[in-house]
Amino acid sequence: MKFSEHLRKKVDSIWEGSFSHPFVTGVADGSLPIECFRYYVQQDSYYLSKFAQVQSIGAAKAKDFYTTSRMAYHATTSYEAEHMLHEGFAKELGISKDGVIVVDNPAPTALAYTNHLFSAAYKGSLGDVLAAILPCYWLYWEIGEKFKGSSPGVPIYQKWIDTYGNEWFGSLVKEQIERMDAYAEQASEEEKRQMESIFITSSKYEYMFWEMAYTLEDWPI
């Protein structure tokens, strides 16, 4: 069994929770209140800016020039593809300032999740970086595949589903899965245990991110 397959089995119940979360199903069937999606786009814009930085740290930690170039490319695509998508959403939702989404106060979950990514990246190896960021890639791809035939009847929701179910995004996910498997083949058992722990934590945060948006999470004080 490949390391990625082992991890996927480990988080199956967590990911099933994401698939059935009312935020995700609400996007798929069009029933999600638009204010929840608006809040999600704002917080996800903050998240993606930090996600790209973590990808860049991975580029710096790579041992070969090709991997450095590919991790840097992934950081670039986080802006050019996903962030640009959110900018389009922001204009429709009326949450941008001069074309830029401004998030002065990230939600507790958004801040905690990105801090988890930075902790894994700064303290660990390229393997830890990949374990931290892969649940975001991979889970979104599976959501896109799972709900590909959905017709929410809300154009902005349809665009979100279509983005993560397309072949180009799938190719990026597969590349990072293969990269993590290649790294794991050379890693010690202790390293793989650490990667597993990081991957599971990121998967939990993915679920919490839906909950954060669905409940419009705010600081209690």
Protein backbone atom coordinates (compact mmCIF):
# COMPACT_ATOMS: atom_id res chain seq x y z
CA MET A 1 0.00 0.00 0.00
CA LYS A 2 1.30 3.44 -0.92
CA PHE A 3 1.74 5.93 1.90
CA SER A 4 -0.94 8.17 0.40
CA GLU A 5 -3.39 5.25 0.35
CA HIS A 6 -2.61 4.55 3.99
CA LEU A 7 -3.29 8.19 4.90
CA ARG A 8 -6.50 8.29 2.88
CA LYS A 9 -7.84 5.31 4.82
CA LYS A 10 -6.85 6.94 8.11
CA VAL A 11 -8.92 10.07 7.42
CA ASP A 12 -11.88 8.44 5.69
CA SER A 13 -14.37 9.14 8.48
CA ILE A 14 -13.16 12.76 8.76
CA TRP A 15 -13.50 13.33 5.02
CA GLU A 16 -16.92 11.71 4.99
CA GLY A 17 -17.87 14.35 7.54
CA SER A 18 -16.76 17.02 5.09
CA PHE A 19 -18.71 15.46 2.21
CA SER A 20 -21.91 15.51 4.27
CA HIS A 21 -21.35 18.87 5.98
CA PRO A 22 -24.29 21.25 5.35
CA PHE A 23 -21.93 23.87 3.93
CA VAL A 24 -20.71 21.48 1.21
CA THR A 25 -24.09 19.91 0.49
CA GLY A 26 -25.65 23.37 0.61
CA VAL A 27 -23.34 24.56 -2.16
CA ALA A 28 -24.14 21.45 -4.19
CA ASP A 29 -27.93 21.80 -3.93
CA GLY A 30 -28.04 25.60 -3.79
CA SER A 31 -29.54 25.81 -0.30
CA LEU A 32 -26.53 27.37 1.46
CA PRO A 33 -27.31 30.91 2.69
CA ILE A 34 -25.25 33.33 0.60
CA GLU A 35 -23.92 35.07 3.72
CA CYS A 36 -22.17 31.81 4.68
CA PHE A 37 -20.50 31.60 1.27
CA ARG A 38 -19.54 35.28 1.48
CA TYR A 39 -17.87 34.66 4.84
CA TYR A 40 -16.16 31.56 3.46
CA VAL A 41 -14.69 33.48 0.52
CA GLN A 42 -13.28 36.13 2.83
CA GLN A 43 -11.67 33.62 5.18
CA ASP A 44 -10.48 31.37 2.35
CA SER A 45 -8.75 34.33 0.71
CA TYR A 46 -6.79 34.82 3.94
CA TYR A 47 -6.07 31.08 4.09
CA LEU A 48 -4.83 30.91 0.48
CA SER A 49 -2.38 33.75 0.98
CA LYS A 50 -0.77 31.76 3.82
CA PHE A 51 -1.10 28.46 1.92
CA ALA A 52 1.01 29.90 -0.90
CA GLN A 53 3.67 30.98 1.60
CA VAL A 54 3.82 27.45 3.00
CA GLN A 55 4.17 26.04 -0.52
CA SER A 56 7.09 28.44 -1.00
CA ILE A 57 8.71 27.18 2.19
CA GLY A 58 8.38 23.69 0.72
CA ALA A 59 10.18 24.91 -2.40
CA ALA A 60 13.06 26.14 -0.24
CA LYS A 61 13.24 22.82 1.63
CA ALA A 62 13.36 20.69 -1.52
CA LYS A 63 16.62 18.85 -2.20
CA ASP A 64 16.52 19.11 -5.99
CA PHE A 65 16.00 21.96 -8.44
CA TYR A 66 13.01 20.33 -10.17
CA THR A 67 11.04 19.94 -6.95
CA THR A 68 11.90 23.50 -5.95
CA SER A 69 10.57 24.74 -9.28
CA ARG A 70 7.37 22.70 -9.01
CA MET A 71 6.61 23.75 -5.44
CA ALA A 72 7.18 27.37 -6.48
CA TYR A 73 4.84 26.80 -9.43
CA HIS A 74 2.15 25.48 -7.08
CA ALA A 75 2.54 28.60 -4.93
CA THR A 76 2.04 30.70 -8.05
CA THR A 77 -1.08 28.78 -9.08
CA SER A 78 -2.58 29.35 -5.64
CA TYR A 79 -2.69 33.01 -6.57
CA GLU A 80 -3.31 32.84 -10.31
CA ALA A 81 -6.04 30.21 -10.19
CA GLU A 82 -7.75 29.90 -6.83
CA HIS A 83 -7.15 33.44 -5.59
CA MET A 84 -8.25 34.93 -8.90
CA LEU A 85 -11.39 32.79 -8.65
CA HIS A 86 -12.07 34.28 -5.23
CA GLU A 87 -11.52 37.78 -6.55
CA GLY A 88 -14.28 37.10 -9.08
CA PHE A 89 -16.51 35.85 -6.29
CA ALA A 90 -15.65 38.91 -4.19
CA LYS A 91 -16.83 41.29 -6.88
CA GLU A 92 -20.13 39.44 -7.15
CA LEU A 93 -20.51 39.32 -3.38
CA GLY A 94 -19.46 42.93 -2.80
CA ILE A 95 -16.58 42.14 -0.44
CA SER A 96 -13.56 43.51 -2.30
CA LYS A 97 -11.81 46.84 -1.94
CA ASP A 98 -10.23 48.03 -5.20
CA GLY A 99 -10.39 44.42 -6.43
CA VAL A 100 -8.70 42.99 -3.31
CA ILE A 101 -10.34 41.05 -0.50
CA VAL A 102 -9.32 42.56 2.83
CA VAL A 103 -9.52 40.36 5.95
CA ASP A 104 -8.41 42.36 8.97
CA ASN A 105 -9.63 39.81 11.51
CA PRO A 106 -9.29 36.15 10.46
CA ALA A 107 -11.66 33.77 12.23
CA PRO A 108 -10.26 31.58 15.03
CA THR A 109 -10.31 28.46 12.84
CA ALA A 110 -8.69 30.19 9.85
CA LEU A 111 -5.92 31.53 12.06
CA ALA A 112 -5.40 28.20 13.85
CA TYR A 113 -5.32 26.22 10.60
CA THR A 114 -2.76 28.49 8.95
CA ASN A 115 -0.64 28.48 12.12
CA HIS A 116 -0.68 24.67 11.95
CA LEU A 117 0.59 24.85 8.36
CA PHE A 118 3.38 27.26 9.30
CA SER A 119 4.38 25.14 12.29
CA ALA A 120 4.69 22.02 10.13
CA ALA A 121 6.61 23.92 7.46
CA TYR A 122 9.10 25.79 9.64
CA LYS A 123 9.78 22.94 12.06
CA GLY A 124 9.76 20.06 9.60
CA SER A 125 10.86 18.75 6.23
CA LEU A 126 9.42 18.88 2.74
CA GLY A 127 7.51 15.73 3.71
CA ASP A 128 5.87 17.61 6.58
CA VAL A 129 4.95 20.47 4.24
CA LEU A 130 3.32 18.06 1.81
CA ALA A 131 1.45 16.28 4.60
CA ALA A 132 0.15 19.63 5.88
CA ILE A 133 -1.08 21.02 2.56
CA LEU A 134 -2.28 17.89 0.76
CA PRO A 135 -5.64 17.50 2.54
CA CYS A 136 -6.69 20.88 1.14
CA TYR A 137 -5.80 19.91 -2.44
CA TRP A 138 -7.04 16.36 -2.26
CA LEU A 139 -10.29 16.87 -0.35
CA TYR A 140 -11.39 19.69 -2.65
CA TRP A 141 -10.67 17.50 -5.67
CA GLU A 142 -12.79 14.67 -4.24
CA ILE A 143 -15.58 17.15 -3.46
CA GLY A 144 -15.38 18.43 -7.02
CA GLU A 145 -15.58 14.87 -8.36
CA LYS A 146 -18.36 13.83 -5.98
CA PHE A 147 -20.63 16.78 -6.77
CA LYS A 148 -19.64 17.24 -10.42
CA GLY A 149 -23.15 16.48 -11.68
CA SER A 150 -24.84 18.84 -9.23
CA SER A 151 -27.01 21.72 -10.42
CA PRO A 152 -27.28 24.15 -7.50
CA GLY A 153 -29.06 26.77 -9.58
CA VAL A 154 -26.78 29.45 -8.12
CA PRO A 155 -24.09 30.49 -10.67
CA ILE A 156 -21.44 31.25 -8.05
CA TYR A 157 -21.92 27.82 -6.44
CA GLN A 158 -21.81 26.10 -9.82
CA LYS A 159 -18.51 27.80 -10.63
CA TRP A 160 -17.03 26.66 -7.30
CA ILE A 161 -17.99 23.02 -7.97
CA ASP A 162 -16.77 23.13 -11.57
CA THR A 163 -13.39 24.57 -10.55
CA TYR A 164 -12.47 21.73 -8.25
CA GLY A 165 -13.83 18.99 -10.48
CA ASN A 166 -11.80 19.89 -13.57
CA GLU A 167 -8.86 17.94 -15.00
CA TRP A 168 -6.30 20.71 -14.51
CA PHE A 169 -6.90 20.87 -10.77
CA GLY A 170 -6.91 17.06 -10.58
CA SER A 171 -3.48 16.94 -12.25
CA LEU A 172 -2.05 19.25 -9.56
CA VAL A 173 -3.47 17.03 -6.81
CA LYS A 174 -2.07 13.85 -8.36
CA GLU A 175 1.35 15.46 -8.72
CA GLN A 176 1.51 16.34 -5.02
CA ILE A 177 0.24 12.90 -3.98
CA GLU A 178 3.00 11.28 -6.05
CA ARG A 179 5.54 13.69 -4.57
CA MET A 180 4.54 12.75 -1.04
CA ASP A 181 4.68 9.02 -1.86
CA ALA A 182 8.18 9.44 -3.32
CA TYR A 183 9.30 11.30 -0.19
CA ALA A 184 7.76 8.67 2.11
CA GLU A 185 9.68 5.86 0.36
CA GLN A 186 12.92 7.37 1.66
CA ALA A 187 11.59 8.50 5.05
CA SER A 188 12.11 6.78 8.39
CA GLU A 189 9.21 5.30 10.32
CA GLU A 190 9.40 8.20 12.76
CA GLU A 191 9.18 10.71 9.90
CA LYS A 192 6.18 8.92 8.43
CA ARG A 193 4.42 8.90 11.80
CA GLN A 194 4.92 12.65 12.03
CA MET A 195 3.64 13.16 8.47
CA GLU A 196 0.59 11.06 9.32
CA SER A 197 -0.17 13.14 12.40
CA ILE A 198 0.14 16.38 10.42
CA PHE A 199 -2.06 15.05 7.60
CA ILE A 200 -4.79 14.00 10.05
CA THR A 201 -4.71 17.38 11.81
CA SER A 202 -5.05 19.24 8.50
CA SER A 203 -8.00 17.00 7.60
CA LYS A 204 -9.70 17.93 10.87
CA TYR A 205 -9.11 21.61 10.17
CA GLU A 206 -10.69 21.22 6.72
CA TYR A 207 -13.88 20.01 8.40
CA MET A 208 -13.68 22.84 10.92
CA PHE A 209 -13.31 25.36 8.08
CA TRP A 210 -16.73 24.36 6.70
CA GLU A 211 -18.19 24.64 10.19
CA MET A 212 -16.53 28.03 10.67
CA ALA A 213 -18.18 29.37 7.51
CA TYR A 214 -21.55 27.73 8.14
CA THR A 215 -21.82 29.20 11.65
CA LEU A 216 -20.16 32.52 10.74
CA GLU A 217 -17.64 31.84 13.50
CA ASP A 218 -16.37 34.86 15.40
CA TRP A 219 -14.12 35.49 18.37
CA PRO A 220 -16.05 35.12 21.66
CA ILE A 221 -14.43 38.22 23.12
